[in-house]
Amino acid sequence: MTMILLAVDGSRAAERAARHVIALRTGGLTLEVLLLNVQPVWAPARSRDEKRERVHLHLEASERDMRMAKALLARAGVPFKGALRIGPAAENILKVAREKHCDQIVMGTRGLGALSGLLLGSVAMKVVQLSKVPVTLVK
């Protein structure tokens, strides 16, 4: 069985990446998906209540960002587990891929192109450069 880390952010590109994973399954690949959403870090909370509120907001945002991919995967009968991380996106994608022994990373790209991606330090470019497993970028 192939373990695929599908990184999603709620974008149209992430939806296309989910559809790509479904196509792999439809094509006969036996796979399991780890659906990952990474939320940005905010300034440190000043109180316990503020910290609880931020956790709640991160969970809500992550659920919103994963909603479409979860629905697509479930409808297609693709087994998946969801995960949320907080922090720098590329670093968390790579760390989770290592920790969970993923065979491949699939993620969308917003189509900035190689030069723009390098100048902007895009998440996709960083993951491609540093990953020890194959990375599929879906436009």
C-alpha atoms as a PDB file:
ATOM      1  CA  MET A   1       0.000   0.000   0.000  1.00  0.00           C
ATOM      2  CA  THR A   2       1.286   3.466  -0.904  1.00  0.00           C
ATOM      3  CA  MET A   3       1.001   6.171   1.761  1.00  0.00           C
ATOM      4  CA  ILE A   4       0.406   9.572   0.181  1.00  0.00           C
ATOM      5  CA  LEU A   5       0.614  12.829   2.082  1.00  0.00           C
ATOM      6  CA  LEU A   6      -1.910  15.158   0.457  1.00  0.00           C
ATOM      7  CA  ALA A   7      -1.222  18.725   1.599  1.00  0.00           C
ATOM      8  CA  VAL A   8      -4.246  20.997   1.219  1.00  0.00           C
ATOM      9  CA  ASP A   9      -4.938  24.644   1.924  1.00  0.00           C
ATOM     10  CA  GLY A  10      -8.494  25.081   0.692  1.00  0.00           C
ATOM     11  CA  SER A  11      -7.425  26.433  -2.695  1.00  0.00           C
ATOM     12  CA  ARG A  12      -8.576  25.322  -6.144  1.00  0.00           C
ATOM     13  CA  ALA A  13      -5.089  23.892  -6.669  1.00  0.00           C
ATOM     14  CA  ALA A  14      -5.513  21.741  -3.551  1.00  0.00           C
ATOM     15  CA  GLU A  15      -8.840  20.496  -4.891  1.00  0.00           C
ATOM     16  CA  ARG A  16      -7.129  19.513  -8.148  1.00  0.00           C
ATOM     17  CA  ALA A  17      -4.427  17.715  -6.130  1.00  0.00           C
ATOM     18  CA  ALA A  18      -7.150  15.724  -4.328  1.00  0.00           C
ATOM     19  CA  ARG A  19      -8.687  14.820  -7.685  1.00  0.00           C
ATOM     20  CA  HIS A  20      -5.250  13.670  -8.876  1.00  0.00           C
ATOM     21  CA  VAL A  21      -4.939  11.325  -5.889  1.00  0.00           C
ATOM     22  CA  ILE A  22      -8.403   9.954  -6.651  1.00  0.00           C
ATOM     23  CA  ALA A  23      -7.305   9.344 -10.249  1.00  0.00           C
ATOM     24  CA  LEU A  24      -4.302   7.380  -8.971  1.00  0.00           C
ATOM     25  CA  ARG A  25      -6.667   5.177  -6.964  1.00  0.00           C
ATOM     26  CA  THR A  26      -9.044   4.814  -9.904  1.00  0.00           C
ATOM     27  CA  GLY A  27      -6.043   3.815 -12.024  1.00  0.00           C
ATOM     28  CA  GLY A  28      -5.392   0.878  -9.713  1.00  0.00           C
ATOM     29  CA  LEU A  29      -2.882   2.168  -7.161  1.00  0.00           C
ATOM     30  CA  THR A  30      -3.564   0.786  -3.700  1.00  0.00           C
ATOM     31  CA  LEU A  31      -3.169   3.786  -1.453  1.00  0.00           C
ATOM     32  CA  GLU A  32      -3.965   5.444   1.818  1.00  0.00           C
ATOM     33  CA  VAL A  33      -3.999   9.211   2.209  1.00  0.00           C
ATOM     34  CA  LEU A  34      -2.812  11.411   5.038  1.00  0.00           C
ATOM     35  CA  LEU A  35      -4.665  14.671   4.449  1.00  0.00           C
ATOM     36  CA  LEU A  36      -2.585  17.480   5.966  1.00  0.00           C
ATOM     37  CA  ASN A  37      -3.449  21.107   6.557  1.00  0.00           C
ATOM     38  CA  VAL A  38      -0.882  23.496   8.020  1.00  0.00           C
ATOM     39  CA  GLN A  39      -2.095  26.654   9.719  1.00  0.00           C
ATOM     40  CA  PRO A  40       0.158  29.703  10.240  1.00  0.00           C
ATOM     41  CA  VAL A  41       1.578  30.636  13.617  1.00  0.00           C
ATOM     42  CA  TRP A  42       0.147  33.713  15.264  1.00  0.00           C
ATOM     43  CA  ALA A  43       1.751  35.944  17.881  1.00  0.00           C
ATOM     44  CA  PRO A  44       1.930  34.292  21.303  1.00  0.00           C
ATOM     45  CA  ALA A  45      -1.334  34.247  23.226  1.00  0.00           C
ATOM     46  CA  ARG A  46      -1.459  36.563  26.230  1.00  0.00           C
ATOM     47  CA  SER A  47      -3.839  34.482  28.298  1.00  0.00           C
ATOM     48  CA  ARG A  48      -5.164  30.972  28.684  1.00  0.00           C
ATOM     49  CA  ASP A  49      -8.518  32.052  27.255  1.00  0.00           C
ATOM     50  CA  GLU A  50      -6.840  33.600  24.220  1.00  0.00           C
ATOM     51  CA  LYS A  51      -4.836  30.401  23.703  1.00  0.00           C
ATOM     52  CA  ARG A  52      -8.036  28.311  23.816  1.00  0.00           C
ATOM     53  CA  GLU A  53      -9.711  30.653  21.355  1.00  0.00           C
ATOM     54  CA  ARG A  54      -6.775  30.398  18.959  1.00  0.00           C
ATOM     55  CA  VAL A  55      -6.855  26.602  19.099  1.00  0.00           C
ATOM     56  CA  HIS A  56     -10.548  26.764  18.263  1.00  0.00           C
ATOM     57  CA  LEU A  57      -9.878  29.163  15.360  1.00  0.00           C
ATOM     58  CA  HIS A  58      -7.078  26.946  14.001  1.00  0.00           C
ATOM     59  CA  LEU A  59      -9.372  23.913  14.124  1.00  0.00           C
ATOM     60  CA  GLU A  60     -12.164  25.799  12.339  1.00  0.00           C
ATOM     61  CA  ALA A  61      -9.806  27.096   9.645  1.00  0.00           C
ATOM     62  CA  SER A  62      -8.280  23.675   9.128  1.00  0.00           C
ATOM     63  CA  GLU A  63     -11.679  22.032   8.820  1.00  0.00           C
ATOM     64  CA  ARG A  64     -12.717  24.660   6.275  1.00  0.00           C
ATOM     65  CA  ASP A  65      -9.470  24.170   4.308  1.00  0.00           C
ATOM     66  CA  MET A  66      -9.881  20.366   4.258  1.00  0.00           C
ATOM     67  CA  ARG A  67     -13.638  20.237   3.635  1.00  0.00           C
ATOM     68  CA  MET A  68     -13.550  19.859  -0.155  1.00  0.00           C
ATOM     69  CA  ALA A  69     -10.714  17.315  -0.184  1.00  0.00           C
ATOM     70  CA  LYS A  70     -12.405  15.248   2.541  1.00  0.00           C
ATOM     71  CA  ALA A  71     -15.678  15.212   0.616  1.00  0.00           C
ATOM     72  CA  LEU A  72     -13.979  14.235  -2.659  1.00  0.00           C
ATOM     73  CA  LEU A  73     -11.923  11.453  -1.061  1.00  0.00           C
ATOM     74  CA  ALA A  74     -14.886  10.083   0.890  1.00  0.00           C
ATOM     75  CA  ARG A  75     -17.122  10.070  -2.195  1.00  0.00           C
ATOM     76  CA  ALA A  76     -14.446   8.201  -4.147  1.00  0.00           C
ATOM     77  CA  GLY A  77     -13.951   5.664  -1.361  1.00  0.00           C
ATOM     78  CA  VAL A  78     -10.317   6.619  -0.794  1.00  0.00           C
ATOM     79  CA  PRO A  79      -9.233   5.848   2.780  1.00  0.00           C
ATOM     80  CA  PHE A  80      -7.772   8.884   4.537  1.00  0.00           C
ATOM     81  CA  LYS A  81      -6.900  10.381   7.884  1.00  0.00           C
ATOM     82  CA  GLY A  82      -6.797  14.102   8.540  1.00  0.00           C
ATOM     83  CA  ALA A  83      -4.063  15.992  10.354  1.00  0.00           C
ATOM     84  CA  LEU A  84      -3.489  19.593  11.398  1.00  0.00           C
ATOM     85  CA  ARG A  85      -0.146  21.203  12.102  1.00  0.00           C
ATOM     86  CA  ILE A  86       0.645  24.777  13.061  1.00  0.00           C
ATOM     87  CA  GLY A  87       3.780  26.513  11.847  1.00  0.00           C
ATOM     88  CA  PRO A  88       5.776  26.936   8.647  1.00  0.00           C
ATOM     89  CA  ALA A  89       4.010  24.998   5.892  1.00  0.00           C
ATOM     90  CA  ALA A  90       6.933  23.441   4.004  1.00  0.00           C
ATOM     91  CA  GLU A  91       8.763  22.380   7.142  1.00  0.00           C
ATOM     92  CA  ASN A  92       5.639  20.783   8.591  1.00  0.00           C
ATOM     93  CA  ILE A  93       4.791  18.966   5.356  1.00  0.00           C
ATOM     94  CA  LEU A  94       8.299  17.494   5.220  1.00  0.00           C
ATOM     95  CA  LYS A  95       8.319  16.596   8.918  1.00  0.00           C
ATOM     96  CA  VAL A  96       4.959  14.828   8.784  1.00  0.00           C
ATOM     97  CA  ALA A  97       5.994  12.961   5.613  1.00  0.00           C
ATOM     98  CA  ARG A  98       9.075  11.666   7.460  1.00  0.00           C
ATOM     99  CA  GLU A  99       7.271  10.848  10.713  1.00  0.00           C
ATOM    100  CA  LYS A 100       4.443   8.985   8.991  1.00  0.00           C
ATOM    101  CA  HIS A 101       6.735   7.226   6.497  1.00  0.00           C
ATOM    102  CA  CYS A 102       4.878   8.600   3.485  1.00  0.00           C
ATOM    103  CA  ASP A 103       5.907   7.266   0.099  1.00  0.00           C
ATOM    104  CA  GLN A 104       4.904  10.386  -1.799  1.00  0.00           C
ATOM    105  CA  ILE A 105       3.751  13.981  -1.297  1.00  0.00           C
ATOM    106  CA  VAL A 106       1.017  15.428  -3.503  1.00  0.00           C
ATOM    107  CA  MET A 107       0.116  19.097  -3.369  1.00  0.00           C
ATOM    108  CA  GLY A 108      -1.302  21.844  -5.498  1.00  0.00           C
ATOM    109  CA  THR A 109       0.645  24.731  -6.869  1.00  0.00           C
ATOM    110  CA  ARG A 110      -0.748  28.106  -7.727  1.00  0.00           C
ATOM    111  CA  GLY A 111       1.230  28.103 -10.985  1.00  0.00           C
ATOM    112  CA  LEU A 112       3.646  30.913 -10.215  1.00  0.00           C
ATOM    113  CA  GLY A 113       6.334  29.350 -12.365  1.00  0.00           C
ATOM    114  CA  ALA A 114       9.855  28.382 -11.359  1.00  0.00           C
ATOM    115  CA  LEU A 115      11.353  31.877 -11.273  1.00  0.00           C
ATOM    116  CA  SER A 116       8.471  33.464  -9.381  1.00  0.00           C
ATOM    117  CA  GLY A 117       8.345  30.503  -7.016  1.00  0.00           C
ATOM    118  CA  LEU A 118      12.014  30.864  -6.193  1.00  0.00           C
ATOM    119  CA  LEU A 119      11.735  34.601  -5.674  1.00  0.00           C
ATOM    120  CA  LEU A 120       8.696  34.220  -3.442  1.00  0.00           C
ATOM    121  CA  GLY A 121      10.070  31.197  -1.604  1.00  0.00           C
ATOM    122  CA  SER A 122       6.953  29.184  -2.369  1.00  0.00           C
ATOM    123  CA  VAL A 123       5.975  26.258  -0.194  1.00  0.00           C
ATOM    124  CA  ALA A 124       5.843  23.936  -3.195  1.00  0.00           C
ATOM    125  CA  MET A 125       9.372  24.800  -4.328  1.00  0.00           C
ATOM    126  CA  LYS A 126      10.764  24.318  -0.826  1.00  0.00           C
ATOM    127  CA  VAL A 127       9.065  20.927  -0.474  1.00  0.00           C
ATOM    128  CA  VAL A 128      10.378  19.801  -3.870  1.00  0.00           C
ATOM    129  CA  GLN A 129      13.910  20.903  -3.027  1.00  0.00           C
ATOM    130  CA  LEU A 130      14.065  19.298   0.434  1.00  0.00           C
ATOM    131  CA  SER A 131      11.886  16.197   0.185  1.00  0.00           C
ATOM    132  CA  LYS A 132      13.442  12.750   0.369  1.00  0.00           C
ATOM    133  CA  VAL A 133      10.333  11.198  -1.245  1.00  0.00           C
ATOM    134  CA  PRO A 134       8.770  11.937  -4.643  1.00  0.00           C
ATOM    135  CA  VAL A 135       6.661  15.087  -4.815  1.00  0.00           C
ATOM    136  CA  THR A 136       3.852  15.588  -7.303  1.00  0.00           C
ATOM    137  CA  LEU A 137       2.758  19.180  -7.908  1.00  0.00           C
ATOM    138  CA  VAL A 138      -0.660  19.550  -9.460  1.00  0.00           C
ATOM    139  CA  LYS A 139      -1.524  22.743 -11.359  1.00  0.00           C
END
